[in-house]
Amino acid sequence: AATARAIAAVRGRPVVTIVENDPACRSEAMVCLVFAPDAVSFRLNVDAVSRSSIRIDPRVLRLSRGQQG
């Protein structure tokens, strides 16, 4: 609930949003960190990025574990 309010408060502004406890990346944050026993990776919420004025370098897009919307 607090995460959703924070993301809603900055929607439309040039703010990169990152969450930790959303492996399915459904929170509407731009970046979702994914923790595994041996590694940390991330997923990009391409829909959230495309709705913002933030431009993500294509190399970051290729690094992301999955591009879910």
C-alpha atoms as a PDB file:
ATOM      1  CA  ALA A   1       0.000   0.000   0.000  1.00  0.00           C
ATOM      2  CA  ALA A   2       2.769   2.458   0.892  1.00  0.00           C
ATOM      3  CA  THR A   3       4.717   1.443  -2.216  1.00  0.00           C
ATOM      4  CA  ALA A   4       1.680   1.983  -4.436  1.00  0.00           C
ATOM      5  CA  ARG A   5       1.108   5.444  -2.923  1.00  0.00           C
ATOM      6  CA  ALA A   6       4.752   6.422  -3.417  1.00  0.00           C
ATOM      7  CA  ILE A   7       4.757   5.263  -7.034  1.00  0.00           C
ATOM      8  CA  ALA A   8       1.462   7.049  -7.709  1.00  0.00           C
ATOM      9  CA  ALA A   9       2.833  10.253  -6.167  1.00  0.00           C
ATOM     10  CA  VAL A  10       5.723  10.436  -8.638  1.00  0.00           C
ATOM     11  CA  ARG A  11       3.886   9.151 -11.716  1.00  0.00           C
ATOM     12  CA  GLY A  12       4.470  11.496 -14.623  1.00  0.00           C
ATOM     13  CA  ARG A  13       7.603  12.976 -13.057  1.00  0.00           C
ATOM     14  CA  PRO A  14      11.185  12.159 -14.073  1.00  0.00           C
ATOM     15  CA  VAL A  15      11.761   9.761 -11.160  1.00  0.00           C
ATOM     16  CA  VAL A  16      13.102   6.216 -11.490  1.00  0.00           C
ATOM     17  CA  THR A  17      11.104   3.919  -9.207  1.00  0.00           C
ATOM     18  CA  ILE A  18      12.718   0.772  -7.799  1.00  0.00           C
ATOM     19  CA  VAL A  19      11.142  -1.914  -5.611  1.00  0.00           C
ATOM     20  CA  GLU A  20      12.571  -4.927  -3.816  1.00  0.00           C
ATOM     21  CA  ASN A  21       9.740  -7.294  -2.941  1.00  0.00           C
ATOM     22  CA  ASP A  22       7.994  -7.658  -6.288  1.00  0.00           C
ATOM     23  CA  PRO A  23       9.607 -10.446  -8.334  1.00  0.00           C
ATOM     24  CA  ALA A  24       6.679 -10.438 -10.782  1.00  0.00           C
ATOM     25  CA  CYS A  25       7.132  -6.660 -11.252  1.00  0.00           C
ATOM     26  CA  ARG A  26       3.417  -5.876 -10.828  1.00  0.00           C
ATOM     27  CA  SER A  27       3.798  -2.812  -8.611  1.00  0.00           C
ATOM     28  CA  GLU A  28       4.095  -0.379 -11.551  1.00  0.00           C
ATOM     29  CA  ALA A  29       7.651   0.461 -10.500  1.00  0.00           C
ATOM     30  CA  MET A  30      10.164   0.812 -13.313  1.00  0.00           C
ATOM     31  CA  VAL A  31      12.799  -1.496 -11.844  1.00  0.00           C
ATOM     32  CA  CYS A  32      12.114  -4.589  -9.736  1.00  0.00           C
ATOM     33  CA  LEU A  33      15.048  -6.135  -7.919  1.00  0.00           C
ATOM     34  CA  VAL A  34      15.065  -9.937  -7.798  1.00  0.00           C
ATOM     35  CA  PHE A  35      17.038 -11.601  -5.020  1.00  0.00           C
ATOM     36  CA  ALA A  36      18.337 -15.155  -5.340  1.00  0.00           C
ATOM     37  CA  PRO A  37      20.661 -17.030  -2.961  1.00  0.00           C
ATOM     38  CA  ASP A  38      23.713 -16.365  -5.137  1.00  0.00           C
ATOM     39  CA  ALA A  39      22.808 -13.236  -7.073  1.00  0.00           C
ATOM     40  CA  VAL A  40      20.733 -10.124  -7.445  1.00  0.00           C
ATOM     41  CA  SER A  41      19.153  -9.321 -10.783  1.00  0.00           C
ATOM     42  CA  PHE A  42      16.428  -6.987 -11.944  1.00  0.00           C
ATOM     43  CA  ARG A  43      13.425  -6.804 -14.198  1.00  0.00           C
ATOM     44  CA  LEU A  44      12.347  -3.759 -16.101  1.00  0.00           C
ATOM     45  CA  ASN A  45       8.703  -2.799 -16.300  1.00  0.00           C
ATOM     46  CA  VAL A  46       8.784  -1.542 -19.877  1.00  0.00           C
ATOM     47  CA  ASP A  47       5.245  -0.162 -19.632  1.00  0.00           C
ATOM     48  CA  ALA A  48       6.149   1.975 -16.620  1.00  0.00           C
ATOM     49  CA  VAL A  49       9.329   3.193 -18.319  1.00  0.00           C
ATOM     50  CA  SER A  50       7.481   4.046 -21.534  1.00  0.00           C
ATOM     51  CA  ARG A  51       4.874   6.108 -19.610  1.00  0.00           C
ATOM     52  CA  SER A  52       7.602   8.208 -18.013  1.00  0.00           C
ATOM     53  CA  SER A  53       9.900  10.867 -19.422  1.00  0.00           C
ATOM     54  CA  ILE A  54      12.907   8.779 -18.315  1.00  0.00           C
ATOM     55  CA  ARG A  55      14.999   7.266 -21.079  1.00  0.00           C
ATOM     56  CA  ILE A  56      16.731   3.995 -20.243  1.00  0.00           C
ATOM     57  CA  ASP A  57      19.875   3.130 -22.176  1.00  0.00           C
ATOM     58  CA  PRO A  58      19.283   0.110 -24.458  1.00  0.00           C
ATOM     59  CA  ARG A  59      22.232  -1.660 -22.813  1.00  0.00           C
ATOM     60  CA  VAL A  60      20.307  -1.621 -19.526  1.00  0.00           C
ATOM     61  CA  LEU A  61      17.298  -3.087 -21.300  1.00  0.00           C
ATOM     62  CA  ARG A  62      19.473  -5.959 -22.540  1.00  0.00           C
ATOM     63  CA  LEU A  63      20.828  -6.552 -19.030  1.00  0.00           C
ATOM     64  CA  SER A  64      17.418  -6.908 -17.467  1.00  0.00           C
ATOM     65  CA  ARG A  65      16.377 -10.404 -16.551  1.00  0.00           C
ATOM     66  CA  GLY A  66      12.967 -10.079 -18.190  1.00  0.00           C
ATOM     67  CA  GLN A  67      10.973  -7.311 -19.741  1.00  0.00           C
ATOM     68  CA  GLN A  68       7.533  -7.627 -18.250  1.00  0.00           C
ATOM     69  CA  GLY A  69       4.884  -4.989 -18.443  1.00  0.00           C
END
